Structures are given as C-alpha cells and as structure tokens.
PDB file of N, CA and C in Angstrom:
ATOM      1  N   MET A   1     272.918 167.995  63.800  1.00  0.00           N
ATOM      2  CA  MET A   1     272.149 166.947  64.417  1.00  0.00           C
ATOM      3  C   MET A   1     273.084 165.780  64.724  1.00  0.00           C
ATOM      4  N   SER A   2     272.990 165.264  65.913  1.00  0.00           N
ATOM      5  CA  SER A   2     273.857 164.150  66.294  1.00  0.00           C
ATOM      6  C   SER A   2     273.400 162.873  65.606  1.00  0.00           C
ATOM      7  N   PRO A   3     274.306 161.899  65.425  1.00  0.00           N
ATOM      8  CA  PRO A   3     273.930 160.630  64.783  1.00  0.00           C
ATOM      9  C   PRO A   3     272.769 159.934  65.490  1.00  0.00           C
ATOM     10  N   SER A   4     272.693 160.005  66.802  1.00  0.00           N
ATOM     11  CA  SER A   4     271.588 159.338  67.505  1.00  0.00           C
ATOM     12  C   SER A   4     270.249 159.992  67.191  1.00  0.00           C
ATOM     13  N   ASN A   5     270.214 161.331  67.014  1.00  0.00           N
ATOM     14  CA  ASN A   5     268.970 162.019  66.667  1.00  0.00           C
ATOM     15  C   ASN A   5     268.532 161.704  65.241  1.00  0.00           C
ATOM     16  N   ARG A   6     269.467 161.524  64.330  1.00  0.00           N
ATOM     17  CA  ARG A   6     269.132 161.192  62.951  1.00  0.00           C
ATOM     18  C   ARG A   6     268.344 159.897  62.874  1.00  0.00           C
ATOM     19  N   ASN A   7     268.623 158.958  63.742  1.00  0.00           N
ATOM     20  CA  ASN A   7     267.934 157.676  63.723  1.00  0.00           C
ATOM     21  C   ASN A   7     266.514 157.769  64.258  1.00  0.00           C
ATOM     22  N   LYS A   8     266.156 158.848  64.919  1.00  0.00           N
ATOM     23  CA  LYS A   8     264.829 159.007  65.493  1.00  0.00           C
ATOM     24  C   LYS A   8     263.845 159.666  64.534  1.00  0.00           C
ATOM     25  N   ILE A   9     264.326 160.178  63.418  1.00  0.00           N
ATOM     26  CA  ILE A   9     263.443 160.861  62.474  1.00  0.00           C
ATOM     27  C   ILE A   9     263.258 159.989  61.241  1.00  0.00           C
ATOM     28  N   ILE A  10     262.007 159.676  60.942  1.00  0.00           N
ATOM     29  CA  ILE A  10     261.675 158.919  59.737  1.00  0.00           C
ATOM     30  C   ILE A  10     260.873 159.865  58.857  1.00  0.00           C
ATOM     31  N   LEU A  11     261.298 160.038  57.645  1.00  0.00           N
ATOM     32  CA  LEU A  11     260.650 160.993  56.752  1.00  0.00           C
ATOM     33  C   LEU A  11     260.085 160.249  55.556  1.00  0.00           C
ATOM     34  N   SER A  12     258.811 160.445  55.281  1.00  0.00           N
ATOM     35  CA  SER A  12     258.227 159.916  54.053  1.00  0.00           C
ATOM     36  C   SER A  12     257.631 161.089  53.293  1.00  0.00           C
ATOM     37  N   ILE A  13     257.718 161.024  51.987  1.00  0.00           N
ATOM     38  CA  ILE A  13     257.189 162.071  51.127  1.00  0.00           C
ATOM     39  C   ILE A  13     256.237 161.408  50.140  1.00  0.00           C
ATOM     40  N   GLN A  14     255.035 161.944  50.022  1.00  0.00           N
ATOM     41  CA  GLN A  14     254.063 161.364  49.106  1.00  0.00           C
ATOM     42  C   GLN A  14     253.117 162.439  48.595  1.00  0.00           C
ATOM     43  N   THR A  15     252.497 162.164  47.478  1.00  0.00           N
ATOM     44  CA  THR A  15     251.413 163.036  47.030  1.00  0.00           C
ATOM     45  C   THR A  15     250.138 162.498  47.653  1.00  0.00           C
ATOM     46  N   TYR A  16     249.222 163.392  47.936  1.00  0.00           N
ATOM     47  CA  TYR A  16     248.049 163.046  48.721  1.00  0.00           C
ATOM     48  C   TYR A  16     246.919 163.959  48.285  1.00  0.00           C
ATOM     49  N   PHE A  17     245.722 163.420  48.143  1.00  0.00           N
ATOM     50  CA  PHE A  17     244.572 164.246  47.773  1.00  0.00           C
ATOM     51  C   PHE A  17     243.772 164.626  49.005  1.00  0.00           C
ATOM     52  N   LEU A  18     243.471 165.917  49.142  1.00  0.00           N
ATOM     53  CA  LEU A  18     242.520 166.373  50.146  1.00  0.00           C
ATOM     54  C   LEU A  18     241.156 166.321  49.474  1.00  0.00           C
ATOM     55  N   SER A  19     240.244 165.535  50.016  1.00  0.00           N
ATOM     56  CA  SER A  19     238.958 165.346  49.350  1.00  0.00           C
ATOM     57  C   SER A  19     237.848 165.120  50.368  1.00  0.00           C
ATOM     58  N   GLN A  20     236.656 164.833  49.885  1.00  0.00           N
ATOM     59  CA  GLN A  20     235.522 164.560  50.762  1.00  0.00           C
ATOM     60  C   GLN A  20     235.791 163.334  51.644  1.00  0.00           C
ATOM     61  N   GLU A  21     236.578 162.375  51.131  1.00  0.00           N
ATOM     62  CA  GLU A  21     236.863 161.157  51.885  1.00  0.00           C
ATOM     63  C   GLU A  21     237.710 161.439  53.128  1.00  0.00           C
ATOM     64  N   ASN A  22     238.543 162.456  53.077  1.00  0.00           N
ATOM     65  CA  ASN A  22     239.370 162.795  54.237  1.00  0.00           C
ATOM     66  C   ASN A  22     239.139 164.254  54.643  1.00  0.00           C
ATOM     67  N   LEU A  23     237.891 164.672  54.584  1.00  0.00           N
ATOM     68  CA  LEU A  23     237.525 166.044  54.889  1.00  0.00           C
ATOM     69  C   LEU A  23     237.914 166.437  56.313  1.00  0.00           C
ATOM     70  N   SER A  24     237.893 165.499  57.242  1.00  0.00           N
ATOM     71  CA  SER A  24     238.257 165.826  58.622  1.00  0.00           C
ATOM     72  C   SER A  24     239.713 166.271  58.710  1.00  0.00           C
ATOM     73  N   GLU A  25     240.590 165.663  57.892  1.00  0.00           N
ATOM     74  CA  GLU A  25     241.989 166.091  57.875  1.00  0.00           C
ATOM     75  C   GLU A  25     242.122 167.487  57.289  1.00  0.00           C
ATOM     76  N   TRP A  26     241.378 167.763  56.211  1.00  0.00           N
ATOM     77  CA  TRP A  26     241.425 169.100  55.611  1.00  0.00           C
ATOM     78  C   TRP A  26     240.902 170.132  56.618  1.00  0.00           C
ATOM     79  N   ASN A  27     239.804 169.802  57.289  1.00  0.00           N
ATOM     80  CA  ASN A  27     239.221 170.749  58.246  1.00  0.00           C
ATOM     81  C   ASN A  27     240.117 170.988  59.452  1.00  0.00           C
ATOM     82  N   ALA A  28     240.995 170.049  59.761  1.00  0.00           N
ATOM     83  CA  ALA A  28     241.907 170.195  60.900  1.00  0.00           C
ATOM     84  C   ALA A  28     243.254 170.783  60.486  1.00  0.00           C
ATOM     85  N   LEU A  29     243.408 171.135  59.224  1.00  0.00           N
ATOM     86  CA  LEU A  29     244.678 171.651  58.714  1.00  0.00           C
ATOM     87  C   LEU A  29     245.046 172.956  59.422  1.00  0.00           C
ATOM     88  N   GLU A  30     246.219 172.965  60.021  1.00  0.00           N
ATOM     89  CA  GLU A  30     246.715 174.148  60.722  1.00  0.00           C
ATOM     90  C   GLU A  30     247.358 175.119  59.728  1.00  0.00           C
ATOM     91  N   ASN A  31     247.351 176.384  60.057  1.00  0.00           N
ATOM     92  CA  ASN A  31     248.006 177.428  59.277  1.00  0.00           C
ATOM     93  C   ASN A  31     247.363 177.610  57.903  1.00  0.00           C
ATOM     94  N   SER A  32     246.065 177.365  57.810  1.00  0.00           N
ATOM     95  CA  SER A  32     245.356 177.525  56.544  1.00  0.00           C
ATOM     96  C   SER A  32     243.971 178.102  56.788  1.00  0.00           C
ATOM     97  N   ASP A  33     243.560 178.968  55.873  1.00  0.00           N
ATOM     98  CA  ASP A  33     242.204 179.503  55.907  1.00  0.00           C
ATOM     99  C   ASP A  33     241.242 178.634  55.095  1.00  0.00           C
ATOM    100  N   SER A  34     241.757 177.672  54.357  1.00  0.00           N
ATOM    101  CA  SER A  34     240.917 176.888  53.455  1.00  0.00           C
ATOM    102  C   SER A  34     239.798 176.113  54.143  1.00  0.00           C
ATOM    103  N   PRO A  35     239.970 175.630  55.385  1.00  0.00           N
ATOM    104  CA  PRO A  35     238.841 174.917  56.001  1.00  0.00           C
ATOM    105  C   PRO A  35     237.592 175.783  56.213  1.00  0.00           C
ATOM    106  N   THR A  36     237.740 177.102  56.197  1.00  0.00           N
ATOM    107  CA  THR A  36     236.592 177.992  56.410  1.00  0.00           C
ATOM    108  C   THR A  36     235.837 178.288  55.120  1.00  0.00           C
ATOM    109  N   ILE A  37     236.363 177.843  53.986  1.00  0.00           N
ATOM    110  CA  ILE A  37     235.779 178.163  52.682  1.00  0.00           C
ATOM    111  C   ILE A  37     234.742 177.114  52.285  1.00  0.00           C
ATOM    112  N   GLU A  38     233.591 177.578  51.848  1.00  0.00           N
ATOM    113  CA  GLU A  38     232.548 176.698  51.306  1.00  0.00           C
ATOM    114  C   GLU A  38     232.610 176.766  49.786  1.00  0.00           C
ATOM    115  N   THR A  39     232.105 175.751  49.115  1.00  0.00           N
ATOM    116  CA  THR A  39     232.058 175.756  47.659  1.00  0.00           C
ATOM    117  C   THR A  39     231.306 176.997  47.178  1.00  0.00           C
ATOM    118  N   GLY A  40     231.916 177.745  46.270  1.00  0.00           N
ATOM    119  CA  GLY A  40     231.309 178.952  45.709  1.00  0.00           C
ATOM    120  C   GLY A  40     231.466 180.200  46.551  1.00  0.00           C
ATOM    121  N   ASP A  41     232.175 180.131  47.651  1.00  0.00           N
ATOM    122  CA  ASP A  41     232.322 181.274  48.565  1.00  0.00           C
ATOM    123  C   ASP A  41     233.478 182.182  48.127  1.00  0.00           C
ATOM    124  N   TRP A  42     233.302 182.841  46.982  1.00  0.00           N
ATOM    125  CA  TRP A  42     234.374 183.676  46.425  1.00  0.00           C
ATOM    126  C   TRP A  42     234.586 184.962  47.223  1.00  0.00           C
ATOM    127  N   GLY A  43     233.563 185.426  47.913  1.00  0.00           N
ATOM    128  CA  GLY A  43     233.724 186.608  48.754  1.00  0.00           C
ATOM    129  C   GLY A  43     234.724 186.354  49.882  1.00  0.00           C
ATOM    130  N   GLN A  44     234.620 185.195  50.498  1.00  0.00           N
ATOM    131  CA  GLN A  44     235.550 184.826  51.568  1.00  0.00           C
ATOM    132  C   GLN A  44     236.964 184.628  51.011  1.00  0.00           C
ATOM    133  N   VAL A  45     237.066 184.010  49.846  1.00  0.00           N
ATOM    134  CA  VAL A  45     238.378 183.825  49.210  1.00  0.00           C
ATOM    135  C   VAL A  45     239.004 185.183  48.918  1.00  0.00           C
ATOM    136  N   GLU A  46     238.205 186.097  48.360  1.00  0.00           N
ATOM    137  CA  GLU A  46     238.721 187.431  48.039  1.00  0.00           C
ATOM    138  C   GLU A  46     239.171 188.164  49.305  1.00  0.00           C
ATOM    139  N   GLU A  47     238.345 188.118  50.333  1.00  0.00           N
ATOM    140  CA  GLU A  47     238.678 188.819  51.574  1.00  0.00           C
ATOM    141  C   GLU A  47     239.977 188.285  52.189  1.00  0.00           C
ATOM    142  N   LEU A  48     240.094 186.982  52.315  1.00  0.00           N
ATOM    143  CA  LEU A  48     241.280 186.397  52.940  1.00  0.00           C
ATOM    144  C   LEU A  48     242.525 186.557  52.065  1.00  0.00           C
ATOM    145  N   SER A  49     242.363 186.442  50.752  1.00  0.00           N
ATOM    146  CA  SER A  49     243.502 186.584  49.845  1.00  0.00           C
ATOM    147  C   SER A  49     244.017 188.015  49.813  1.00  0.00           C
ATOM    148  N   SER A  50     243.106 188.973  49.893  1.00  0.00           N
ATOM    149  CA  SER A  50     243.535 190.377  49.848  1.00  0.00           C
ATOM    150  C   SER A  50     244.338 190.748  51.092  1.00  0.00           C
ATOM    151  N   GLN A  51     244.054 190.105  52.221  1.00  0.00           N
ATOM    152  CA  GLN A  51     244.818 190.370  53.439  1.00  0.00           C
ATOM    153  C   GLN A  51     246.289 189.973  53.272  1.00  0.00           C
ATOM    154  N   ALA A  52     246.531 188.960  52.442  1.00  0.00           N
ATOM    155  CA  ALA A  52     247.898 188.485  52.209  1.00  0.00           C
ATOM    156  C   ALA A  52     248.429 188.966  50.854  1.00  0.00           C
ATOM    157  N   ASN A  53     247.654 189.829  50.167  1.00  0.00           N
ATOM    158  CA  ASN A  53     248.042 190.359  48.862  1.00  0.00           C
ATOM    159  C   ASN A  53     248.307 189.242  47.852  1.00  0.00           C
ATOM    160  N   ARG A  54     247.392 188.268  47.775  1.00  0.00           N
ATOM    161  CA  ARG A  54     247.517 187.124  46.870  1.00  0.00           C
ATOM    162  C   ARG A  54     246.535 187.267  45.709  1.00  0.00           C
ATOM    163  N   ASP A  55     246.938 186.810  44.524  1.00  0.00           N
ATOM    164  CA  ASP A  55     246.113 186.898  43.324  1.00  0.00           C
ATOM    165  C   ASP A  55     245.312 185.607  43.138  1.00  0.00           C
ATOM    166  N   TRP A  56     244.202 185.485  43.850  1.00  0.00           N
ATOM    167  CA  TRP A  56     243.390 184.277  43.774  1.00  0.00           C
ATOM    168  C   TRP A  56     242.692 184.134  42.423  1.00  0.00           C
ATOM    169  N   GLU A  57     242.371 185.263  41.776  1.00  0.00           N
ATOM    170  CA  GLU A  57     241.668 185.200  40.493  1.00  0.00           C
ATOM    171  C   GLU A  57     242.532 184.557  39.412  1.00  0.00           C
ATOM    172  N   ASP A  58     243.829 184.812  39.442  1.00  0.00           N
ATOM    173  CA  ASP A  58     244.742 184.182  38.490  1.00  0.00           C
ATOM    174  C   ASP A  58     244.787 182.677  38.714  1.00  0.00           C
ATOM    175  N   LEU A  59     244.837 182.265  39.981  1.00  0.00           N
ATOM    176  CA  LEU A  59     244.842 180.829  40.286  1.00  0.00           C
ATOM    177  C   LEU A  59     243.547 180.171  39.822  1.00  0.00           C
ATOM    178  N   LYS A  60     242.416 180.827  40.066  1.00  0.00           N
ATOM    179  CA  LYS A  60     241.123 180.292  39.632  1.00  0.00           C
ATOM    180  C   LYS A  60     241.088 180.141  38.122  1.00  0.00           C
ATOM    181  N   SER A  61     241.534 181.162  37.411  1.00  0.00           N
ATOM    182  CA  SER A  61     241.555 181.128  35.948  1.00  0.00           C
ATOM    183  C   SER A  61     242.434 179.985  35.438  1.00  0.00           C
ATOM    184  N   LYS A  62     243.603 179.823  36.032  1.00  0.00           N
ATOM    185  CA  LYS A  62     244.504 178.747  35.616  1.00  0.00           C
ATOM    186  C   LYS A  62     243.877 177.374  35.841  1.00  0.00           C
ATOM    187  N   LEU A  63     243.233 177.188  36.971  1.00  0.00           N
ATOM    188  CA  LEU A  63     242.585 175.905  37.247  1.00  0.00           C
ATOM    189  C   LEU A  63     241.429 175.654  36.275  1.00  0.00           C
ATOM    190  N   GLU A  64     240.662 176.695  35.959  1.00  0.00           N
ATOM    191  CA  GLU A  64     239.563 176.556  34.995  1.00  0.00           C
ATOM    192  C   GLU A  64     240.076 176.181  33.613  1.00  0.00           C
ATOM    193  N   GLN A  65     241.290 176.639  33.284  1.00  0.00           N
ATOM    194  CA  GLN A  65     241.896 176.326  31.990  1.00  0.00           C
ATOM    195  C   GLN A  65     242.615 174.990  31.999  1.00  0.00           C
ATOM    196  N   GLY A  66     242.652 174.322  33.151  1.00  0.00           N
ATOM    197  CA  GLY A  66     243.306 173.025  33.256  1.00  0.00           C
ATOM    198  C   GLY A  66     244.800 173.094  33.491  1.00  0.00           C
ATOM    199  N   THR A  67     245.299 174.268  33.852  1.00  0.00           N
ATOM    200  CA  THR A  67     246.726 174.427  34.122  1.00  0.00           C
ATOM    201  C   THR A  67     247.081 173.733  35.435  1.00  0.00           C
ATOM    202  N   MET A  68     248.161 172.976  35.424  1.00  0.00           N
ATOM    203  CA  MET A  68     248.642 172.310  36.627  1.00  0.00           C
ATOM    204  C   MET A  68     249.382 173.327  37.492  1.00  0.00           C
ATOM    205  N   LEU A  69     248.970 173.443  38.743  1.00  0.00           N
ATOM    206  CA  LEU A  69     249.625 174.346  39.681  1.00  0.00           C
ATOM    207  C   LEU A  69     250.579 173.556  40.574  1.00  0.00           C
ATOM    208  N   GLU A  70     251.533 174.264  41.167  1.00  0.00           N
ATOM    209  CA  GLU A  70     252.405 173.620  42.140  1.00  0.00           C
ATOM    210  C   GLU A  70     251.555 173.112  43.288  1.00  0.00           C
ATOM    211  N   ALA A  71     251.885 171.932  43.779  1.00  0.00           N
ATOM    212  CA  ALA A  71     251.117 171.340  44.871  1.00  0.00           C
ATOM    213  C   ALA A  71     251.395 172.078  46.180  1.00  0.00           C
ATOM    214  N   PRO A  72     250.347 172.366  46.950  1.00  0.00           N
ATOM    215  CA  PRO A  72     250.572 172.891  48.294  1.00  0.00           C
ATOM    216  C   PRO A  72     251.386 171.878  49.106  1.00  0.00           C
ATOM    217  N   ILE A  73     252.097 172.357  50.101  1.00  0.00           N
ATOM    218  CA  ILE A  73     252.946 171.488  50.911  1.00  0.00           C
ATOM    219  C   ILE A  73     252.378 171.402  52.325  1.00  0.00           C
ATOM    220  N   VAL A  74     252.187 170.165  52.787  1.00  0.00           N
ATOM    221  CA  VAL A  74     251.658 169.905  54.123  1.00  0.00           C
ATOM    222  C   VAL A  74     252.661 169.041  54.882  1.00  0.00           C
ATOM    223  N   MET A  75     252.909 169.398  56.131  1.00  0.00           N
ATOM    224  CA  MET A  75     253.782 168.632  57.012  1.00  0.00           C
ATOM    225  C   MET A  75     252.895 167.925  58.033  1.00  0.00           C
ATOM    226  N   LYS A  76     253.067 166.610  58.132  1.00  0.00           N
ATOM    227  CA  LYS A  76     252.316 165.831  59.115  1.00  0.00           C
ATOM    228  C   LYS A  76     253.278 165.363  60.192  1.00  0.00           C
ATOM    229  N   PHE A  77     252.914 165.647  61.450  1.00  0.00           N
ATOM    230  CA  PHE A  77     253.757 165.220  62.570  1.00  0.00           C
ATOM    231  C   PHE A  77     252.895 165.133  63.822  1.00  0.00           C
ATOM    232  N   GLY A  78     253.131 164.123  64.607  1.00  0.00           N
ATOM    233  CA  GLY A  78     252.397 163.982  65.862  1.00  0.00           C
ATOM    234  C   GLY A  78     250.891 164.020  65.707  1.00  0.00           C
ATOM    235  N   GLY A  79     250.354 163.487  64.617  1.00  0.00           N
ATOM    236  CA  GLY A  79     248.917 163.495  64.390  1.00  0.00           C
ATOM    237  C   GLY A  79     248.370 164.825  63.904  1.00  0.00           C
ATOM    238  N   ARG A  80     249.241 165.806  63.674  1.00  0.00           N
ATOM    239  CA  ARG A  80     248.830 167.134  63.213  1.00  0.00           C
ATOM    240  C   ARG A  80     249.199 167.307  61.743  1.00  0.00           C
ATOM    241  N   HIS A  81     248.406 168.106  61.030  1.00  0.00           N
ATOM    242  CA  HIS A  81     248.681 168.484  59.652  1.00  0.00           C
ATOM    243  C   HIS A  81     248.876 169.993  59.616  1.00  0.00           C
ATOM    244  N   HIS A  82     250.053 170.446  59.186  1.00  0.00           N
ATOM    245  CA  HIS A  82     250.395 171.864  59.186  1.00  0.00           C
ATOM    246  C   HIS A  82     250.726 172.299  57.754  1.00  0.00           C
ATOM    247  N   LEU A  83     250.013 173.305  57.251  1.00  0.00           N
ATOM    248  CA  LEU A  83     250.278 173.811  55.905  1.00  0.00           C
ATOM    249  C   LEU A  83     251.561 174.622  55.908  1.00  0.00           C
ATOM    250  N   VAL A  84     252.478 174.267  55.022  1.00  0.00           N
ATOM    251  CA  VAL A  84     253.749 174.976  54.883  1.00  0.00           C
ATOM    252  C   VAL A  84     253.651 176.001  53.759  1.00  0.00           C
ATOM    253  N   ALA A  85     252.997 175.646  52.662  1.00  0.00           N
ATOM    254  CA  ALA A  85     252.869 176.541  51.505  1.00  0.00           C
ATOM    255  C   ALA A  85     251.613 176.185  50.725  1.00  0.00           C
ATOM    256  N   GLY A  86     250.899 177.220  50.233  1.00  0.00           N
ATOM    257  CA  GLY A  86     249.780 176.975  49.331  1.00  0.00           C
ATOM    258  C   GLY A  86     248.403 177.315  49.883  1.00  0.00           C
ATOM    259  N   ASN A  87     248.317 178.229  50.830  1.00  0.00           N
ATOM    260  CA  ASN A  87     247.020 178.580  51.415  1.00  0.00           C
ATOM    261  C   ASN A  87     246.035 179.092  50.361  1.00  0.00           C
ATOM    262  N   THR A  88     246.464 179.988  49.508  1.00  0.00           N
ATOM    263  CA  THR A  88     245.555 180.554  48.496  1.00  0.00           C
ATOM    264  C   THR A  88     245.136 179.482  47.497  1.00  0.00           C
ATOM    265  N   ARG A  89     246.067 178.623  47.094  1.00  0.00           N
ATOM    266  CA  ARG A  89     245.717 177.520  46.184  1.00  0.00           C
ATOM    267  C   ARG A  89     244.649 176.629  46.803  1.00  0.00           C
ATOM    268  N   LEU A  90     244.786 176.321  48.093  1.00  0.00           N
ATOM    269  CA  LEU A  90     243.803 175.474  48.767  1.00  0.00           C
ATOM    270  C   LEU A  90     242.456 176.176  48.901  1.00  0.00           C
ATOM    271  N   MET A  91     242.457 177.481  49.183  1.00  0.00           N
ATOM    272  CA  MET A  91     241.190 178.205  49.277  1.00  0.00           C
ATOM    273  C   MET A  91     240.457 178.193  47.943  1.00  0.00           C
ATOM    274  N   VAL A  92     241.188 178.429  46.853  1.00  0.00           N
ATOM    275  CA  VAL A  92     240.566 178.438  45.524  1.00  0.00           C
ATOM    276  C   VAL A  92     240.032 177.044  45.184  1.00  0.00           C
ATOM    277  N   CYS A  93     240.800 176.014  45.471  1.00  0.00           N
ATOM    278  CA  CYS A  93     240.334 174.650  45.218  1.00  0.00           C
ATOM    279  C   CYS A  93     239.078 174.344  46.010  1.00  0.00           C
ATOM    280  N   ARG A  94     239.051 174.741  47.258  1.00  0.00           N
ATOM    281  CA  ARG A  94     237.886 174.484  48.114  1.00  0.00           C
ATOM    282  C   ARG A  94     236.664 175.202  47.560  1.00  0.00           C
ATOM    283  N   ALA A  95     236.827 176.462  47.142  1.00  0.00           N
ATOM    284  CA  ALA A  95     235.703 177.220  46.585  1.00  0.00           C
ATOM    285  C   ALA A  95     235.225 176.634  45.262  1.00  0.00           C
ATOM    286  N   MET A  96     236.137 176.001  44.523  1.00  0.00           N
ATOM    287  CA  MET A  96     235.774 175.381  43.244  1.00  0.00           C
ATOM    288  C   MET A  96     235.251 173.952  43.418  1.00  0.00           C
ATOM    289  N   GLY A  97     235.365 173.415  44.621  1.00  0.00           N
ATOM    290  CA  GLY A  97     234.928 172.040  44.860  1.00  0.00           C
ATOM    291  C   GLY A  97     235.905 171.014  44.317  1.00  0.00           C
ATOM    292  N   ILE A  98     237.162 171.404  44.190  1.00  0.00           N
ATOM    293  CA  ILE A  98     238.207 170.528  43.653  1.00  0.00           C
ATOM    294  C   ILE A  98     238.955 169.860  44.794  1.00  0.00           C
ATOM    295  N   ALA A  99     239.262 168.581  44.633  1.00  0.00           N
ATOM    296  CA  ALA A  99     240.117 167.869  45.592  1.00  0.00           C
ATOM    297  C   ALA A  99     241.567 168.053  45.142  1.00  0.00           C
ATOM    298  N   PRO A 100     242.313 168.929  45.812  1.00  0.00           N
ATOM    299  CA  PRO A 100     243.674 169.208  45.355  1.00  0.00           C
ATOM    300  C   PRO A 100     244.669 168.128  45.766  1.00  0.00           C
ATOM    301  N   LYS A 101     245.670 167.971  44.927  1.00  0.00           N
ATOM    302  CA  LYS A 101     246.788 167.097  45.274  1.00  0.00           C
ATOM    303  C   LYS A 101     247.788 167.948  46.039  1.00  0.00           C
ATOM    304  N   VAL A 102     248.230 167.454  47.192  1.00  0.00           N
ATOM    305  CA  VAL A 102     249.224 168.164  47.991  1.00  0.00           C
ATOM    306  C   VAL A 102     250.462 167.281  48.122  1.00  0.00           C
ATOM    307  N   LEU A 103     251.560 167.912  48.428  1.00  0.00           N
ATOM    308  CA  LEU A 103     252.790 167.187  48.734  1.00  0.00           C
ATOM    309  C   LEU A 103     252.822 167.048  50.252  1.00  0.00           C
ATOM    310  N   LEU A 104     252.771 165.818  50.739  1.00  0.00           N
ATOM    311  CA  LEU A 104     252.688 165.558  52.168  1.00  0.00           C
ATOM    312  C   LEU A 104     254.023 165.004  52.657  1.00  0.00           C
ATOM    313  N   PHE A 105     254.633 165.732  53.579  1.00  0.00           N
ATOM    314  CA  PHE A 105     255.858 165.288  54.244  1.00  0.00           C
ATOM    315  C   PHE A 105     255.419 164.769  55.612  1.00  0.00           C
ATOM    316  N   GLU A 106     255.706 163.527  55.883  1.00  0.00           N
ATOM    317  CA  GLU A 106     255.341 162.962  57.177  1.00  0.00           C
ATOM    318  C   GLU A 106     256.596 162.702  57.979  1.00  0.00           C
ATOM    319  N   ILE A 107     256.628 163.279  59.168  1.00  0.00           N
ATOM    320  CA  ILE A 107     257.779 163.122  60.042  1.00  0.00           C
ATOM    321  C   ILE A 107     257.337 162.406  61.301  1.00  0.00           C
ATOM    322  N   ASP A 108     258.024 161.354  61.635  1.00  0.00           N
ATOM    323  CA  ASP A 108     257.737 160.606  62.851  1.00  0.00           C
ATOM    324  C   ASP A 108     258.918 160.800  63.785  1.00  0.00           C
ATOM    325  N   VAL A 109     258.700 161.530  64.857  1.00  0.00           N
ATOM    326  CA  VAL A 109     259.794 161.772  65.810  1.00  0.00           C
ATOM    327  C   VAL A 109     259.562 161.039  67.098  1.00  0.00           C
TER     328      VAL A 109
END
C-alpha cells in the first residue's frame, strides 16, 4: 500500500452489542443467516448449521452454562455491516434471545 493510501484508511476497533436497540443493523448484517432466526427457532438453527457442518448444540450448551464465547467479528464499511466470523454463534444467540457482544472493525475509506 502506498503512503498516500495509508492516510485514507481510518480503522477503529470496538466491542459492540447487537440488541433490540439496534435490531435494524443486525437485520441488515451481510454474510449471516442470523437475521432470519426468531427466538426459539431451533429447527432453523439446526438446518442452517448442518449445511455448514457446525455444532450449534455445543454453543447453546456453553452459553446456557455461562461460558464466554469468542466474539463474532463484524466489519463496517460504507454504511454496510459484513460478518467476517461467527455466523453460528449469532444464530444461537438470536434463538436464545441474547444480545451478543461482537468485535466491530470500522473502516472509513
């Protein structure tokens, strides 16, 4: 990257909760199946997780036991929110009615 391009990128990193207060951002999240999940919709979680061979039941059990999971990673740029990692974690949280903490990288180009 040239020195002039480095000056055009501003990066901020913060933890951020996806919750009822910012539900529109969660529902607009790109690259995630979690916006389609309703509270208690374990059939949908199972169906979508099995397509990616993910163990959603283990994540659910850990959350029920109070285990802290790695935060999903979201990239924000140009008014868009794109999920980088953590689709299954977000689906399980949505089905449990939990507002998950995510790691939000915001890039302004």
